[in-house]
Protein backbone atom coordinates (compact mmCIF):
# COMPACT_ATOMS: atom_id res chain seq x y z
CA UNK A 1 0.04 -0.01 0.04
CA UNK A 2 3.09 2.24 -0.24
CA UNK A 3 1.36 3.83 -3.48
CA UNK A 4 -1.20 5.38 -1.28
CA UNK A 5 -1.84 8.99 -2.06
CA UNK A 6 -1.87 11.11 1.07
CA UNK A 7 -2.44 14.82 1.21
CA UNK A 8 -1.57 17.00 4.25
CA UNK A 9 -4.03 19.76 4.40
CA UNK A 10 -2.87 22.47 6.49
CA UNK A 11 -3.26 26.21 7.25
CA UNK A 12 0.53 26.76 6.99
CA UNK A 13 3.54 24.42 6.43
CA UNK A 14 4.33 24.75 10.30
CA UNK A 15 6.64 22.72 12.25
CA UNK A 16 4.11 19.87 12.91
CA UNK A 17 3.19 19.62 9.39
CA UNK A 18 6.83 19.52 8.29
CA UNK A 19 7.40 16.79 10.73
CA UNK A 20 4.61 14.85 9.50
CA UNK A 21 5.58 15.32 5.89
CA UNK A 22 9.18 14.11 6.78
CA UNK A 23 7.90 11.15 8.69
CA UNK A 24 5.65 9.99 5.98
CA UNK A 25 8.39 10.30 3.43
CA UNK A 26 10.68 8.22 5.71
CA UNK A 27 8.03 5.47 5.91
CA UNK A 28 8.10 5.30 2.15
CA UNK A 29 5.10 7.35 1.09
CA UNK A 30 5.13 10.41 -1.05
CA UNK A 31 2.80 12.96 0.64
CA UNK A 32 1.67 16.09 -0.98
CA UNK A 33 0.85 19.37 0.67
CA UNK A 34 -2.20 21.62 0.23
CA UNK A 35 -2.01 24.98 2.04
CA UNK A 36 -5.59 26.24 2.91
CA UNK A 37 -5.97 29.25 0.78
CA UNK A 38 -9.58 29.45 -0.08
CA UNK A 39 -12.37 26.96 -0.04
CA UNK A 40 -12.81 26.57 -3.84
CA UNK A 41 -9.12 26.19 -4.49
CA UNK A 42 -8.57 23.72 -1.86
CA UNK A 43 -11.62 21.59 -2.99
CA UNK A 44 -10.28 21.71 -6.64
CA UNK A 45 -6.82 20.68 -5.74
CA UNK A 46 -7.80 17.68 -3.62
CA UNK A 47 -10.45 16.43 -5.88
CA UNK A 48 -8.24 16.66 -8.94
CA UNK A 49 -5.34 14.88 -7.16
CA UNK A 50 -7.38 11.58 -6.69
CA UNK A 51 -5.92 11.53 -3.21
CA UNK A 52 -6.82 8.34 -1.10
CA UNK A 53 -6.45 10.07 2.28
CA UNK A 54 -6.30 13.46 3.63
CA UNK A 55 -4.76 14.32 7.07
CA UNK A 56 -5.01 17.78 8.61
CA UNK A 57 -2.11 18.31 11.07
CA UNK A 58 -2.57 21.96 11.59
CA UNK A 59 -5.93 23.31 10.21
CA UNK A 60 -7.56 26.55 11.52
CA UNK A 61 -10.06 26.61 8.67
CA UNK A 62 -13.36 24.66 8.50
CA UNK A 63 -13.26 21.60 6.16
CA UNK A 64 -15.59 22.19 3.18
CA UNK A 65 -18.62 19.94 3.07
CA UNK A 66 -17.73 18.84 -0.53
CA UNK A 67 -14.59 17.20 0.87
CA UNK A 68 -15.71 15.69 4.06
CA UNK A 69 -18.96 14.29 2.61
CA UNK A 70 -16.98 11.91 0.39
CA UNK A 71 -17.09 8.62 2.24
CA UNK A 72 -14.37 7.09 0.08
CA UNK A 73 -11.68 9.71 1.02
CA UNK A 74 -11.72 10.46 4.57
CA UNK A 75 -10.48 13.86 5.89
CA UNK A 76 -8.75 13.17 9.32
CA UNK A 77 -8.37 16.09 11.70
CA UNK A 78 -5.37 15.99 14.19
CA UNK A 79 -6.78 17.66 17.27
CA UNK A 80 -4.55 18.54 20.17
CA UNK A 81 -6.98 17.22 22.80
CA UNK A 82 -8.23 13.98 24.47
CA UNK A 83 -11.07 12.06 23.23
CA UNK A 84 -14.27 14.15 23.48
CA UNK A 85 -12.48 17.42 23.83
CA UNK A 86 -13.68 19.95 21.17
CA UNK A 87 -13.02 23.53 20.17
CA UNK A 88 -10.09 25.63 18.99
CA UNK A 89 -8.64 26.43 22.49
CA UNK A 90 -7.90 22.87 23.59
CA UNK A 91 -4.27 23.65 24.81
CA UNK A 92 -5.15 26.94 26.21
CA UNK A 93 -7.80 25.27 28.53
CA UNK A 94 -5.50 22.30 29.39
CA UNK A 95 -2.83 24.62 30.60
CA UNK A 96 -5.21 27.02 32.46
CA UNK A 97 -6.89 24.22 34.19
CA UNK A 98 -3.64 22.46 35.00
CA UNK A 99 -4.86 19.01 33.82
CA UNK A 100 -2.63 16.10 34.78
CA UNK A 101 -3.25 14.07 31.57
CA UNK A 102 -3.76 15.29 27.97
CA UNK A 103 -3.40 14.06 24.55
CA UNK A 104 -4.01 14.11 20.71
CA UNK A 105 -7.03 12.68 18.87
CA UNK A 106 -7.30 11.94 15.18
CA UNK A 107 -10.85 12.19 14.12
CA UNK A 108 -12.82 12.33 10.82
CA UNK A 109 -14.11 15.67 9.67
CA UNK A 110 -17.93 16.05 9.79
CA UNK A 111 -20.16 18.86 9.75
CA UNK A 112 -19.93 19.60 13.47
CA UNK A 113 -16.37 20.71 14.33
CA UNK A 114 -14.32 18.07 16.24
CA UNK A 115 -17.39 15.74 16.62
CA UNK A 116 -16.44 13.17 13.93
CA UNK A 117 -15.64 9.42 14.62
CA UNK A 118 -12.25 8.59 16.24
CA UNK A 119 -9.31 6.94 14.13
CA UNK A 120 -6.60 7.13 16.81
CA UNK A 121 -5.67 8.76 20.21
CA UNK A 122 -2.61 9.12 22.23
CA UNK A 123 -2.31 10.37 25.78
CA UNK A 124 0.49 11.70 27.82
CA UNK A 125 1.24 13.10 31.35
CA UNK A 126 0.91 16.84 31.21
CA UNK A 127 4.33 18.54 31.76
CA UNK A 128 4.17 20.93 34.72
CA UNK A 129 4.87 24.77 34.21
CA UNK A 130 4.73 24.59 30.40
CA UNK A 131 4.07 27.25 27.88
CA UNK A 132 1.64 26.43 25.07
CA UNK A 133 4.24 26.51 22.13
CA UNK A 134 6.55 24.29 24.25
CA UNK A 135 3.76 21.80 24.75
CA UNK A 136 2.69 21.94 21.14
CA UNK A 137 6.16 21.35 19.81
CA UNK A 138 7.00 18.73 22.32
CA UNK A 139 4.56 16.18 23.67
CA UNK A 140 1.71 17.27 21.38
CA UNK A 141 3.85 16.98 18.23
CA UNK A 142 5.08 13.55 19.46
CA UNK A 143 1.51 12.29 20.08
CA UNK A 144 0.43 13.68 16.72
CA UNK A 145 3.03 11.84 14.76
CA UNK A 146 1.98 8.61 16.62
CA UNK A 147 -1.66 9.38 15.62
CA UNK A 148 -0.71 9.98 11.87
CA UNK A 149 1.14 6.79 11.68
CA UNK A 150 -1.68 4.94 13.20
CA UNK A 151 -4.33 6.49 10.85
CA UNK A 152 -2.21 5.51 7.81
CA UNK A 153 -1.79 1.98 8.87
CA UNK A 154 -5.49 1.62 9.85
CA UNK A 155 -6.62 3.13 6.58
CA UNK A 156 -4.56 0.65 4.70
CA UNK A 157 -6.27 -2.08 6.70
CA UNK A 158 -9.71 -1.02 6.11
CA UNK A 159 -10.38 0.26 9.55
CA UNK A 160 -13.72 1.81 10.36
CA UNK A 161 -13.43 4.85 12.79
CA UNK A 162 -15.27 4.60 16.14
CA UNK A 163 -18.21 7.09 16.73
CA UNK A 164 -17.70 9.66 19.54
CA UNK A 165 -19.89 8.50 22.45
CA UNK A 166 -20.13 10.64 25.51
CA UNK A 167 -21.95 7.93 27.34
CA UNK A 168 -18.66 5.87 27.51
CA UNK A 169 -16.96 6.39 30.87
CA UNK A 170 -13.66 6.74 29.16
CA UNK A 171 -14.70 9.71 27.19
CA UNK A 172 -13.92 12.53 29.66
CA UNK A 173 -13.29 15.35 27.22
CA UNK A 174 -15.96 17.97 26.53
CA UNK A 175 -16.76 20.79 24.17
CA UNK A 176 -14.89 23.86 25.29
CA UNK A 177 -15.64 27.40 24.20
CA UNK A 178 -13.08 29.46 22.23
CA UNK A 179 -11.06 31.18 24.96
CA UNK A 180 -11.57 34.89 25.15
CA UNK A 181 -9.41 37.55 26.75
CA UNK A 182 -11.86 37.71 29.67
CA UNK A 183 -10.92 34.00 30.37
CA UNK A 184 -7.30 34.95 30.34
CA UNK A 185 -7.40 38.18 32.34
CA UNK A 186 -5.55 38.70 35.47
CA UNK A 187 -4.70 41.51 37.90
CA UNK A 188 -1.21 42.37 38.89
CA UNK A 189 -2.42 41.83 42.45
CA UNK A 190 -2.73 38.25 41.71
CA UNK A 191 0.09 35.77 42.55
CA UNK A 192 3.01 35.56 40.13
CA UNK A 193 2.54 31.95 39.32
CA UNK A 194 -1.14 32.50 38.26
CA UNK A 195 -0.08 35.33 36.02
CA UNK A 196 2.73 33.30 34.53
CA UNK A 197 0.24 30.45 33.92
CA UNK A 198 -2.28 32.81 32.11
CA UNK A 199 0.58 33.99 29.82
CA UNK A 200 1.92 30.51 29.19
CA UNK A 201 -1.59 29.43 28.18
CA UNK A 202 -1.62 32.14 25.40
CA UNK A 203 1.85 31.80 24.31
CA UNK A 204 2.40 32.13 20.60
CA UNK A 205 -1.07 33.35 19.96
CA UNK A 206 -3.00 35.36 21.05
CA UNK A 207 -1.16 36.64 24.15
CA UNK A 208 -2.73 38.11 27.24
CA UNK A 209 -4.05 41.62 27.01
CA UNK A 210 -3.09 43.58 30.17
CA UNK A 211 -2.39 47.17 31.36
CA UNK A 212 1.26 47.94 31.67
CA UNK A 213 3.00 51.32 32.16
CA UNK A 214 -0.18 53.20 31.19
CA UNK A 215 -0.89 51.22 27.98
CA UNK A 216 -2.55 48.08 26.71
CA UNK A 217 -0.39 45.38 25.58
CA UNK A 218 -0.53 41.57 24.73
CA UNK A 219 2.00 39.73 26.94
CA UNK A 220 4.22 36.90 26.15
CA UNK A 221 7.29 35.05 27.36
CA UNK A 222 6.85 35.02 31.15
CA UNK A 223 9.53 34.00 33.75
CA UNK A 224 9.17 34.12 37.57
CA UNK A 225 11.22 36.04 39.88
CA UNK A 226 11.44 36.54 43.71
CA UNK A 227 11.74 40.26 43.95
CA UNK A 228 8.69 42.28 45.35
CA UNK A 229 7.21 45.58 44.60
CA UNK A 230 4.00 47.70 44.14
CA UNK A 231 1.80 45.31 41.97
CA UNK A 232 2.00 46.48 38.34
CA UNK A 233 5.26 48.36 38.85
CA UNK A 234 8.05 47.81 36.52
CA UNK A 235 10.97 47.09 38.87
CA UNK A 236 13.90 46.41 36.49
CA UNK A 237 15.05 45.78 33.05
CA UNK A 238 17.40 42.96 32.02
CA UNK A 239 18.39 42.31 28.31
CA UNK A 240 14.97 42.40 26.39
CA UNK A 241 12.63 41.86 29.36
CA UNK A 242 10.99 43.94 32.01
CA UNK A 243 10.37 42.72 35.58
CA UNK A 244 6.78 43.61 36.65
CA UNK A 245 5.82 43.18 40.37
CA UNK A 246 2.77 40.99 41.28
CA UNK A 247 0.78 40.35 44.41
CA UNK A 248 3.40 38.16 45.98
CA UNK A 249 6.60 38.06 43.91
CA UNK A 250 7.29 39.41 40.20
CA UNK A 251 7.25 38.27 36.61
CA UNK A 252 9.60 38.82 33.84
CA UNK A 253 7.90 39.68 30.53
CA UNK A 254 10.12 39.18 27.56
CA UNK A 255 7.84 40.14 24.70
CA UNK A 256 4.88 42.53 24.06
CA UNK A 257 2.51 43.41 21.35
CA UNK A 258 0.85 46.85 21.56
CA UNK A 259 -2.84 46.74 21.28
CA UNK A 260 -3.75 47.85 17.66
CA UNK A 261 -5.86 50.90 16.90
CA UNK A 262 -8.70 50.24 14.31
CA UNK A 263 -7.07 49.60 10.89
CA UNK A 264 -3.69 49.19 12.43
CA UNK A 265 -1.39 46.09 12.40
CA UNK A 266 1.00 45.42 15.29
CA UNK A 267 3.17 42.63 16.16
CA UNK A 268 5.44 41.16 18.90
CA UNK A 269 8.75 42.75 19.77
CA UNK A 270 10.97 42.52 22.82
CA UNK A 271 9.45 44.14 25.78
CA UNK A 272 12.09 46.72 26.24
CA UNK A 273 11.76 47.88 22.71
CA UNK A 274 8.16 48.35 22.94
CA UNK A 275 8.29 50.28 26.20
CA UNK A 276 11.49 52.14 25.21
CA UNK A 277 11.25 55.74 26.56
CA UNK A 278 8.97 54.55 29.41
CA UNK A 279 12.00 52.83 31.09
CA UNK A 280 14.33 55.74 31.58
CA UNK A 281 14.33 55.62 35.33
CA UNK A 282 14.01 51.84 35.66
CA UNK A 283 17.10 50.09 36.87
CA UNK A 284 19.03 48.05 34.40
CA UNK A 285 20.50 44.79 35.68
CA UNK A 286 23.68 43.36 34.50
CA UNK A 287 23.10 40.02 32.61
CA UNK A 288 26.70 39.24 32.08
CA UNK A 289 27.48 35.52 32.63
CA UNK A 290 30.89 36.32 34.28
CA UNK A 291 30.64 35.36 38.05
CA UNK A 292 26.91 34.75 37.80
CA UNK A 293 25.73 31.30 38.91
CA UNK A 294 23.59 29.38 36.36
CA UNK A 295 20.02 29.04 37.49
CA UNK A 296 17.56 27.38 35.11
CA UNK A 297 14.65 28.66 36.93
CA UNK A 298 15.71 32.23 36.68
CA UNK A 299 15.40 34.78 33.82
CA UNK A 300 18.69 34.01 32.20
CA UNK A 301 18.65 33.94 28.39
CA UNK A 302 22.27 33.19 28.40
CA UNK A 303 23.72 31.00 31.17
CA UNK A 304 26.96 29.08 31.63
CA UNK A 305 28.25 26.32 33.82
CA UNK A 306 31.26 24.05 33.96
CA UNK A 307 31.62 20.24 34.31
CA UNK A 308 35.30 19.15 34.49
CA UNK A 309 36.80 20.24 31.24
CA UNK A 310 33.50 21.10 29.57
CA UNK A 311 32.04 24.53 29.52
CA UNK A 312 28.37 24.46 28.78
CA UNK A 313 26.89 27.68 27.35
CA UNK A 314 22.97 27.82 26.82
CA UNK A 315 21.30 30.56 24.88
CA UNK A 316 17.50 30.74 24.89
CA UNK A 317 16.08 33.44 22.73
CA UNK A 318 12.25 33.56 22.50
CA UNK A 319 11.13 31.72 19.15
CA UNK A 320 14.68 31.33 18.22
CA UNK A 321 15.12 34.80 16.74
CA UNK A 322 18.39 36.49 17.49
CA UNK A 323 18.56 40.34 17.25
CA UNK A 324 21.56 42.37 16.70
CA UNK A 325 21.63 43.16 20.44
CA UNK A 326 21.17 39.57 21.34
CA UNK A 327 23.81 38.41 19.07
CA UNK A 328 26.19 41.10 20.72
CA UNK A 329 25.47 39.59 24.18
CA UNK A 330 26.24 36.13 22.99
CA UNK A 331 29.36 37.24 21.45
CA UNK A 332 30.54 38.64 24.76
CA UNK A 333 29.53 35.46 26.60
CA UNK A 334 31.30 33.24 24.06
CA UNK A 335 34.45 35.37 24.45
CA UNK A 336 34.28 35.00 28.25
CA UNK A 337 33.61 31.25 27.86
CA UNK A 338 36.50 30.70 25.51
CA UNK A 339 38.81 32.40 27.92
CA UNK A 340 37.94 29.76 30.60
CA UNK A 341 40.32 26.87 31.38
CA UNK A 342 38.20 24.32 29.39
CA UNK A 343 38.96 21.97 26.52
CA UNK A 344 35.36 21.63 25.25
CA UNK A 345 32.76 24.33 24.62
CA UNK A 346 29.29 23.05 24.47
CA UNK A 347 26.61 25.40 23.01
CA UNK A 348 23.04 24.55 23.23
CA UNK A 349 19.58 25.96 22.97
CA UNK A 350 16.91 26.07 25.70
CA UNK A 351 13.25 24.94 25.59
CA UNK A 352 12.12 26.42 22.32
CA UNK A 353 13.68 26.52 18.94
CA UNK A 354 17.51 26.31 18.87
CA UNK A 355 17.91 29.21 16.52
CA UNK A 356 16.04 30.62 13.45
CA UNK A 357 18.57 33.20 12.54
CA UNK A 358 18.05 36.88 12.47
CA UNK A 359 15.15 38.65 14.19
CA UNK A 360 12.71 39.51 11.51
CA UNK A 361 10.32 41.21 13.78
CA UNK A 362 12.96 43.59 15.11
CA UNK A 363 14.09 44.15 11.57
CA UNK A 364 10.48 45.12 10.48
CA UNK A 365 10.11 47.55 13.40
CA UNK A 366 13.35 49.37 12.59
CA UNK A 367 13.26 53.07 10.91
CA UNK A 368 15.11 51.55 8.05
CA UNK A 369 14.57 47.64 8.06
CA UNK A 370 17.23 46.98 5.40
CA UNK A 371 19.92 48.59 7.44
CA UNK A 372 18.88 46.90 10.62
CA UNK A 373 18.94 43.49 8.78
CA UNK A 374 22.38 44.42 7.51
CA UNK A 375 23.47 45.14 11.11
CA UNK A 376 21.82 41.87 12.30
CA UNK A 377 23.37 39.56 9.76
CA UNK A 378 26.89 40.87 10.62
CA UNK A 379 26.15 40.41 14.31
CA UNK A 380 25.16 36.78 13.88
CA UNK A 381 28.15 36.32 11.74
CA UNK A 382 30.17 37.41 14.64
CA UNK A 383 28.67 34.73 16.77
CA UNK A 384 29.58 32.14 14.19
CA UNK A 385 33.10 33.66 14.04
CA UNK A 386 33.58 33.07 17.80
CA UNK A 387 32.68 29.34 17.40
CA UNK A 388 34.89 28.73 14.38
CA UNK A 389 37.90 30.44 15.91
CA UNK A 390 37.74 28.72 19.33
CA UNK A 391 40.69 26.94 20.60
CA UNK A 392 38.43 24.57 22.45
CA UNK A 393 36.57 21.78 20.62
CA UNK A 394 33.11 23.23 19.93
CA UNK A 395 30.09 20.95 20.29
CA UNK A 396 26.65 22.28 19.52
CA UNK A 397 23.44 20.73 20.84
CA UNK A 398 20.29 21.12 18.70
CA UNK A 399 17.86 21.11 21.62
CA UNK A 400 14.96 22.12 19.22
CA UNK A 401 14.33 22.73 15.52
CA UNK A 402 16.28 25.41 13.66
CA UNK A 403 16.08 27.28 10.37
CA UNK A 404 18.24 29.37 8.05
CA UNK A 405 21.12 30.91 9.87
CA UNK A 406 20.13 29.01 12.96
CA UNK A 407 21.10 25.72 11.26
CA UNK A 408 24.47 27.37 10.04
CA UNK A 409 25.11 28.57 13.50
CA UNK A 410 25.00 24.95 14.76
CA UNK A 411 27.38 23.91 11.95
CA UNK A 412 30.00 26.39 12.92
CA UNK A 413 30.70 23.98 15.76
CA UNK A 414 33.16 21.11 15.22
CA UNK A 415 30.59 18.45 16.16
CA UNK A 416 26.88 18.55 15.89
CA UNK A 417 24.33 16.70 18.13
CA UNK A 418 20.50 16.79 17.69
CA UNK A 419 17.64 15.80 19.78
CA UNK A 420 15.42 13.14 18.22
CA UNK A 421 12.55 14.71 16.23
CA UNK A 422 13.87 18.07 15.57
CA UNK A 423 13.46 19.50 12.05
CA UNK A 424 16.00 21.65 10.23
CA UNK A 425 15.41 24.02 7.36
CA UNK A 426 18.96 24.75 5.99
CA UNK A 427 18.01 27.36 3.44
CA UNK A 428 17.45 31.11 2.87
CA UNK A 429 15.92 31.56 -0.67
CA UNK A 430 12.26 31.61 0.50
CA UNK A 431 12.95 34.70 2.41
CA UNK A 432 14.81 36.36 -0.60
CA UNK A 433 18.19 36.07 0.91
CA UNK A 434 21.48 34.43 -0.45
CA UNK A 435 22.45 33.60 3.21
CA UNK A 436 25.55 34.01 5.45
CA UNK A 437 26.62 32.67 8.97
CA UNK A 438 29.59 31.23 7.02
CA UNK A 439 27.10 28.71 5.29
CA UNK A 440 29.31 28.50 2.17
CA UNK A 441 32.19 27.12 4.41
CA UNK A 442 30.39 25.18 7.00
CA UNK A 443 27.74 23.50 5.04
CA UNK A 444 29.96 22.03 2.23
CA UNK A 445 32.46 21.10 4.96
CA UNK A 446 29.64 18.84 6.46
CA UNK A 447 27.78 17.49 3.46
CA UNK A 448 29.97 18.18 0.46
CA UNK A 449 29.36 20.82 -2.21
CA UNK A 450 26.87 18.86 -4.15
CA UNK A 451 24.51 18.13 -1.21
CA UNK A 452 25.05 21.67 0.03
CA UNK A 453 23.73 23.16 -3.28
CA UNK A 454 20.75 20.76 -3.17
CA UNK A 455 19.86 21.60 0.41
CA UNK A 456 19.89 25.50 -0.13
CA UNK A 457 18.18 25.37 -3.60
CA UNK A 458 15.33 22.87 -2.91
CA UNK A 459 14.21 24.68 0.20
CA UNK A 460 12.81 21.71 1.90
CA UNK A 461 13.00 20.75 5.62
CA UNK A 462 15.04 17.63 6.66
CA UNK A 463 14.77 15.46 9.82
CA UNK A 464 17.40 14.75 12.31
CA UNK A 465 17.75 11.35 10.75
CA UNK A 466 18.40 12.78 7.27
CA UNK A 467 20.86 15.36 8.91
CA UNK A 468 22.76 12.53 10.40
CA UNK A 469 22.73 10.59 7.13
CA UNK A 470 24.21 13.46 5.10
CA UNK A 471 26.70 14.56 7.66
CA UNK A 472 25.24 17.66 9.24
CA UNK A 473 24.73 15.78 12.41
CA UNK A 474 27.03 13.30 14.06
CA UNK A 475 24.71 11.72 16.56
CA UNK A 476 20.99 11.90 17.67
CA UNK A 477 20.12 11.92 21.32
CA UNK A 478 16.96 11.19 23.37
CA UNK A 479 13.64 12.94 22.58
CA UNK A 480 13.04 13.80 26.11
CA UNK A 481 14.54 17.33 26.72
CA UNK A 482 16.00 16.45 30.29
CA UNK A 483 17.32 13.14 29.02
CA UNK A 484 18.75 14.74 26.02
CA UNK A 485 20.46 17.42 28.23
CA UNK A 486 22.28 14.68 30.27
CA UNK A 487 23.05 12.67 27.19
CA UNK A 488 24.56 15.72 25.34
CA UNK A 489 26.81 16.63 28.15
CA UNK A 490 28.11 13.01 28.37
CA UNK A 491 28.90 13.00 24.61
CA UNK A 492 30.54 16.44 24.88
CA UNK A 493 32.83 14.91 27.56
CA UNK A 494 33.69 12.00 25.26
CA UNK A 495 34.32 14.07 22.15
CA UNK A 496 38.01 14.76 23.14
CA UNK A 497 38.99 11.18 23.30
CA UNK A 498 36.44 8.86 21.59
CA UNK A 499 37.78 7.44 18.43
CA UNK A 500 34.55 8.03 16.55
CA UNK A 501 35.05 11.85 16.67
CA UNK A 502 38.70 11.63 15.62
CA UNK A 503 38.03 12.90 12.06
CA UNK A 504 36.31 16.05 13.63
CA UNK A 505 39.09 16.77 15.84
CA UNK A 506 41.54 16.46 12.85
CA UNK A 507 39.32 18.76 10.76
CA UNK A 508 39.41 21.44 13.34
CA UNK A 509 43.15 21.31 13.39
CA UNK A 510 43.26 21.59 9.61
CA UNK A 511 40.92 24.69 9.45
CA UNK A 512 41.65 27.22 6.72
CA UNK A 513 41.10 30.54 8.44
CA UNK A 514 41.80 32.55 5.17
CA UNK A 515 39.11 30.68 3.26
CA UNK A 516 36.66 31.17 6.14
CA UNK A 517 37.13 34.87 5.96
CA UNK A 518 36.80 34.87 2.18
CA UNK A 519 33.45 33.07 2.50
CA UNK A 520 32.23 35.67 4.98
CA UNK A 521 33.29 38.40 2.63
CA UNK A 522 31.43 36.91 -0.42
CA UNK A 523 28.30 35.94 1.59
CA UNK A 524 27.99 39.62 3.03
CA UNK A 525 28.53 41.25 -0.46
CA UNK A 526 25.50 38.99 -1.50
CA UNK A 527 23.42 39.80 1.59
CA UNK A 528 24.12 43.50 1.17
CA UNK A 529 22.35 43.37 -2.32
CA UNK A 530 19.48 41.29 -0.65
CA UNK A 531 19.02 43.22 2.56
CA UNK A 532 19.92 46.78 1.67
CA UNK A 533 18.97 46.92 -1.93
CA UNK A 534 16.18 44.42 -1.85
CA UNK A 535 17.37 42.35 -4.78
CA UNK A 536 15.05 39.55 -4.17
CA UNK A 537 12.14 41.19 -2.51
CA UNK A 538 13.36 40.41 1.04
CA UNK A 539 11.49 43.47 2.46
CA UNK A 540 8.21 42.27 1.24
CA UNK A 541 8.73 38.74 2.45
CA UNK A 542 9.91 39.93 5.78
CA UNK A 543 6.74 42.00 6.18
CA UNK A 544 4.64 39.06 5.03
CA UNK A 545 6.25 36.89 7.66
CA UNK A 546 5.97 39.30 10.47
CA UNK A 547 2.34 40.32 9.86
CA UNK A 548 1.55 36.58 9.30
CA UNK A 549 -0.15 37.10 5.85
CA UNK A 550 -1.68 34.12 4.52
CA UNK A 551 -0.15 32.35 1.49
CA UNK A 552 -2.11 32.82 -1.68
CA UNK A 553 -1.00 29.25 -3.02
CA UNK A 554 0.80 26.06 -1.95
CA UNK A 555 4.50 26.35 -2.82
CA UNK A 556 5.25 24.03 -5.80
CA UNK A 557 8.08 22.32 -4.10
CA UNK A 558 5.58 20.84 -1.63
CA UNK A 559 3.35 19.39 -4.26
CA UNK A 560 4.11 15.73 -5.02
CA UNK A 561 4.26 14.76 -8.74
CA UNK A 562 1.08 12.63 -8.51
CA UNK A 563 -0.90 15.59 -7.06
CA UNK A 564 0.02 18.09 -9.73
CA UNK A 565 -3.13 19.52 -11.29
CA UNK A 566 -3.57 21.58 -14.42
CA UNK A 567 -3.90 24.66 -12.22
CA UNK A 568 -0.59 24.16 -10.26
CA UNK A 569 1.19 23.54 -13.64
CA UNK A 570 -0.10 26.94 -14.93
CA UNK A 571 0.97 28.72 -11.80
CA UNK A 572 4.48 27.03 -11.92
């Protein structure tokens, strides 16, 4: 049944859809993608493709009747909730209500949303103190992949899905209303943990609307702190975040989005950028890692600790975006870490994405976006330069997925390890960029010139398994974040002596620094044309990304040959 024609219908080619696409391909299928643009186009694309099965990993749009009413071609929704749970705010309610168990359910699309018969379900213990994006990209994503595999196998075997029956004692989920801002609201007089949980449940979208510094803002990226003050008062600034006093303790707020006026568009930015002139008299705390003890529970976007001869530097930037200023802080931290008496420098990400390169939101907000982009790309190049020129053996740990310059940043290390299940997008072209971060040196060094050209030109995601097969990644560690952290440290300790890493140690000793700098010079010459002179419409593509403008068509590279329709041929 490997010839089964499977379509992934999704509102966007997001992380979960990419992971599903990769997993199906690894299982021997050739899935095609349909991005939901408008009802008529989607119906036409799916009908003309003669697909056998349609799976919806991430669908915010209602499935058209024309599609779900066909009994021979089921439309299966991947819903981030337990059996019986219904509604678009499943994860928001689960975090808010602090449920102990949650799950993912694959159900057939019918007229009533999330009420169709059940194809598959997978439950897990709900992580504590988790933000929505972390939950979605972690336990939910893992459960969704299980359900997708299960659905495909069951469909091949002629399985008949089980009708949803609320009279069954094991069906404990219920219809939940769409969560509104009134359901998320808090007072700064509330306890800090409650405030953080409210923000965590709205992480990514839509944020929690609250009053701060005399204005109305949507809040994101919350971290607890023990300091106290007058509830609602801004106590301090550190890096990109502001510390706001709560009823008992306080909360760091890393990102804000100003409430838009009618007809206006706003977007998320670092909190310090949004409040800017309102913070003139607020104390600014030193965030240097020098002499500062690592504390994973505190707000420390960059933290450092040592284990014998290994120095471990963790950087955790919201959504994996790295602004000019963040890159500057990371360069300073790397220089300090490189001066330590260690033999291995281990760099790794935090709870979210490893890195996605330059900070497009900060670029978009700049008075002259092209010039900010130009400064940002040089700053992230400086980060990569510190890694490439380190006397220590540099090991990078891909704790989360990575894209564009974030992939190349990892490859600037001598040895690369990845957590199971991460997805990499080692390309720039879809954003109208040539690319930098020394990619023209590091990527061919890892995979060879031919494969490097293919990866950057095809603009397709690759899995951790594929990355290991082609040489981008040396080993893959456990999927569990805490287990991966322990495994990563052990591998970093072994990297100096283990024979399987001898070739990478030898490669480091033979590095051609003159060639490395020539690569940077050439890349930046190309990037100046793209960023400052807008050669390939980077400005428009950056704006579309920041304002989350919906795609007008499915990218041709995601359409399988068997699913090509007359319409898509004309578009191509």
